[in-house]
């Protein structure tokens, strides 16, 4: 099977499943695999987040992990070639367009059918992206808000089944409002 490009990855269909109790187990299994397979790179915090980490939340059946690493360049240049042999596809964005300094780095892992099974988001300890856990925890603790978010996700998946960017954009305002509320609550 040919390796999909980033454009192919963006064009993949959006489809949701009802929450599955095995998703947290799959996250733990993947974290253990990373630590065992490449301990030099993955010996810090690994956290399950996103909709598959929120009981009852419909989700794309893709396990999202935030993975703490020492250095993004080290992961891109040293870990990624090793991980590619195990089927992990590297994606990264520069801090500034056209430059080589990494702003964000992640991997897609696929199952035997070629479907996404995992997204591994590589973060340094000081990354602002760790706040994604705050949203996840809020949804876990506030079922009424989680139900509103679930309805929005279902609507977005119905309206944009072949446009991942549009699907994500529909969710963005809801997420931003929750994060704003959490920021205000943390300041009190």
Protein backbone atom coordinates (compact mmCIF):
# COMPACT_ATOMS: atom_id res chain seq x y z
CA UNK A 1 0.00 0.00 0.00
CA UNK A 2 1.34 3.44 -0.91
CA UNK A 3 1.96 5.91 1.87
CA UNK A 4 -0.72 8.62 1.81
CA UNK A 5 0.39 12.23 1.48
CA UNK A 6 -0.71 14.97 3.86
CA UNK A 7 -3.29 16.03 1.27
CA UNK A 8 -4.60 12.45 1.13
CA UNK A 9 -4.79 12.37 4.93
CA UNK A 10 -6.86 15.57 5.00
CA UNK A 11 -9.23 14.15 2.38
CA UNK A 12 -9.96 10.93 4.27
CA UNK A 13 -13.62 10.52 5.24
CA UNK A 14 -15.02 11.54 8.61
CA UNK A 15 -17.14 8.87 10.28
CA UNK A 16 -18.06 8.54 13.91
CA UNK A 17 -18.66 5.50 16.07
CA UNK A 18 -20.39 5.35 19.41
CA UNK A 19 -17.90 5.27 22.27
CA UNK A 20 -16.17 1.92 22.75
CA UNK A 21 -14.97 0.71 26.15
CA UNK A 22 -11.82 -0.75 24.60
CA UNK A 23 -10.52 2.67 23.48
CA UNK A 24 -8.80 3.49 26.80
CA UNK A 25 -7.23 0.00 26.75
CA UNK A 26 -5.96 0.59 23.22
CA UNK A 27 -4.45 3.89 24.38
CA UNK A 28 -2.66 2.18 27.29
CA UNK A 29 -1.44 -0.58 24.97
CA UNK A 30 -0.04 1.92 22.47
CA UNK A 31 1.68 3.93 25.22
CA UNK A 32 3.28 0.74 26.57
CA UNK A 33 4.38 -0.25 23.06
CA UNK A 34 6.05 3.13 22.45
CA UNK A 35 7.89 2.96 25.77
CA UNK A 36 8.99 -0.63 25.20
CA UNK A 37 9.92 -0.28 21.51
CA UNK A 38 11.75 3.06 21.70
CA UNK A 39 12.57 3.82 25.36
CA UNK A 40 15.26 6.36 24.42
CA UNK A 41 12.58 8.60 22.87
CA UNK A 42 9.40 7.79 24.79
CA UNK A 43 10.17 7.64 28.50
CA UNK A 44 8.03 10.53 29.72
CA UNK A 45 4.36 11.37 30.02
CA UNK A 46 1.92 9.85 27.52
CA UNK A 47 -1.73 10.89 27.89
CA UNK A 48 -4.89 9.67 26.15
CA UNK A 49 -7.06 12.59 25.07
CA UNK A 50 -9.75 13.51 22.59
CA UNK A 51 -13.17 11.99 22.13
CA UNK A 52 -12.01 8.39 22.51
CA UNK A 53 -10.97 9.33 26.06
CA UNK A 54 -14.43 10.66 26.98
CA UNK A 55 -16.87 7.88 27.96
CA UNK A 56 -20.09 8.13 25.97
CA UNK A 57 -18.67 10.52 23.35
CA UNK A 58 -19.06 9.54 19.68
CA UNK A 59 -15.69 9.63 17.99
CA UNK A 60 -13.73 8.89 14.91
CA UNK A 61 -12.26 5.51 15.92
CA UNK A 62 -8.75 6.96 16.26
CA UNK A 63 -6.84 6.90 19.54
CA UNK A 64 -5.22 10.29 20.23
CA UNK A 65 -2.17 10.42 22.47
CA UNK A 66 -0.16 13.39 23.68
CA UNK A 67 3.43 12.21 23.95
CA UNK A 68 6.00 14.21 25.90
CA UNK A 69 9.43 14.26 24.25
CA UNK A 70 12.69 16.06 24.91
CA UNK A 71 13.20 17.46 21.44
CA UNK A 72 10.97 17.55 18.34
CA UNK A 73 13.92 17.63 15.94
CA UNK A 74 15.30 14.47 17.53
CA UNK A 75 11.94 12.76 17.02
CA UNK A 76 11.72 13.90 13.38
CA UNK A 77 15.32 13.02 12.51
CA UNK A 78 16.02 9.96 14.66
CA UNK A 79 12.79 8.33 15.88
CA UNK A 80 10.65 8.84 12.76
CA UNK A 81 12.79 6.62 10.48
CA UNK A 82 12.59 3.81 13.06
CA UNK A 83 8.87 4.33 13.53
CA UNK A 84 8.24 4.35 9.77
CA UNK A 85 9.38 0.72 9.69
CA UNK A 86 6.49 -0.04 12.06
CA UNK A 87 3.97 1.83 9.90
CA UNK A 88 3.92 5.26 11.58
CA UNK A 89 3.55 8.15 9.13
CA UNK A 90 5.25 11.41 10.13
CA UNK A 91 3.67 14.85 9.70
CA UNK A 92 5.11 18.13 10.91
CA UNK A 93 4.60 21.84 10.51
CA UNK A 94 7.31 24.47 10.78
CA UNK A 95 7.06 27.28 13.32
CA UNK A 96 7.43 29.69 10.41
CA UNK A 97 6.47 28.66 6.88
CA UNK A 98 9.52 27.77 4.82
CA UNK A 99 11.78 27.18 7.83
CA UNK A 100 12.97 23.92 9.37
CA UNK A 101 12.22 24.71 13.04
CA UNK A 102 9.37 22.42 14.06
CA UNK A 103 6.20 24.00 15.36
CA UNK A 104 4.12 20.81 15.63
CA UNK A 105 4.89 17.15 14.96
CA UNK A 106 2.60 14.12 14.92
CA UNK A 107 2.33 10.59 13.56
CA UNK A 108 -0.54 8.65 12.06
CA UNK A 109 -0.65 4.89 12.61
CA UNK A 110 -2.95 2.76 10.49
CA UNK A 111 -4.56 -0.63 10.98
CA UNK A 112 -4.31 -3.60 8.62
CA UNK A 113 -7.10 -2.13 6.44
CA UNK A 114 -5.17 1.13 6.00
CA UNK A 115 -7.53 3.10 8.25
CA UNK A 116 -6.21 5.48 10.87
CA UNK A 117 -6.01 3.85 14.28
CA UNK A 118 -3.82 6.28 16.24
CA UNK A 119 -2.66 9.89 16.20
CA UNK A 120 0.50 10.49 18.24
CA UNK A 121 1.04 14.18 19.00
CA UNK A 122 4.63 14.87 20.05
CA UNK A 123 4.94 17.69 22.59
CA UNK A 124 7.75 19.23 24.56
CA UNK A 125 7.06 19.68 28.29
CA UNK A 126 6.32 23.41 27.88
CA UNK A 127 3.95 23.06 24.91
CA UNK A 128 0.62 24.89 25.14
CA UNK A 129 -0.97 21.86 23.47
CA UNK A 130 -1.02 20.08 26.83
CA UNK A 131 -4.12 22.21 27.51
CA UNK A 132 -5.99 19.83 25.23
CA UNK A 133 -6.17 17.61 28.30
CA UNK A 134 -8.11 20.35 30.10
CA UNK A 135 -10.88 20.19 27.48
CA UNK A 136 -10.96 16.41 27.67
CA UNK A 137 -11.19 16.43 31.48
CA UNK A 138 -13.91 19.08 31.37
CA UNK A 139 -16.01 16.95 29.00
CA UNK A 140 -15.48 13.91 31.25
CA UNK A 141 -16.78 15.86 34.27
CA UNK A 142 -19.66 17.80 32.64
CA UNK A 143 -22.13 15.42 30.96
CA UNK A 144 -24.56 18.15 29.81
CA UNK A 145 -21.78 19.98 27.97
CA UNK A 146 -20.47 16.66 26.65
CA UNK A 147 -23.92 15.89 25.23
CA UNK A 148 -23.96 19.28 23.48
CA UNK A 149 -20.51 18.59 22.04
CA UNK A 150 -21.58 15.09 20.92
CA UNK A 151 -24.58 16.53 19.06
CA UNK A 152 -22.35 19.10 17.37
CA UNK A 153 -19.89 16.39 16.32
CA UNK A 154 -22.66 14.24 14.86
CA UNK A 155 -24.03 17.22 12.93
CA UNK A 156 -20.57 18.14 11.60
CA UNK A 157 -19.85 14.56 10.52
CA UNK A 158 -23.18 14.44 8.68
CA UNK A 159 -22.61 17.80 6.96
CA UNK A 160 -18.93 17.25 6.12
CA UNK A 161 -18.32 13.50 5.70
CA UNK A 162 -15.48 14.09 3.21
CA UNK A 163 -13.94 17.28 4.59
CA UNK A 164 -11.89 16.86 7.78
CA UNK A 165 -10.97 20.54 7.88
CA UNK A 166 -14.60 21.69 7.74
CA UNK A 167 -15.53 19.06 10.35
CA UNK A 168 -12.83 20.40 12.67
CA UNK A 169 -13.79 24.01 12.01
CA UNK A 170 -17.38 23.33 13.12
CA UNK A 171 -16.06 22.05 16.46
CA UNK A 172 -13.51 24.85 16.90
CA UNK A 173 -15.88 27.53 18.27
CA UNK A 174 -17.30 25.15 20.89
CA UNK A 175 -13.82 24.08 21.97
CA UNK A 176 -12.60 27.69 22.09
CA UNK A 177 -15.56 28.72 24.26
CA UNK A 178 -14.89 25.90 26.73
CA UNK A 179 -11.18 26.70 26.81
CA UNK A 180 -11.99 30.38 27.41
CA UNK A 181 -14.25 29.40 30.29
CA UNK A 182 -11.53 27.16 31.73
CA UNK A 183 -9.01 29.97 31.44
CA UNK A 184 -11.32 32.30 33.34
CA UNK A 185 -12.01 29.64 35.99
CA UNK A 186 -8.29 29.00 36.44
CA UNK A 187 -7.68 32.72 36.98
CA UNK A 188 -10.15 32.95 39.88
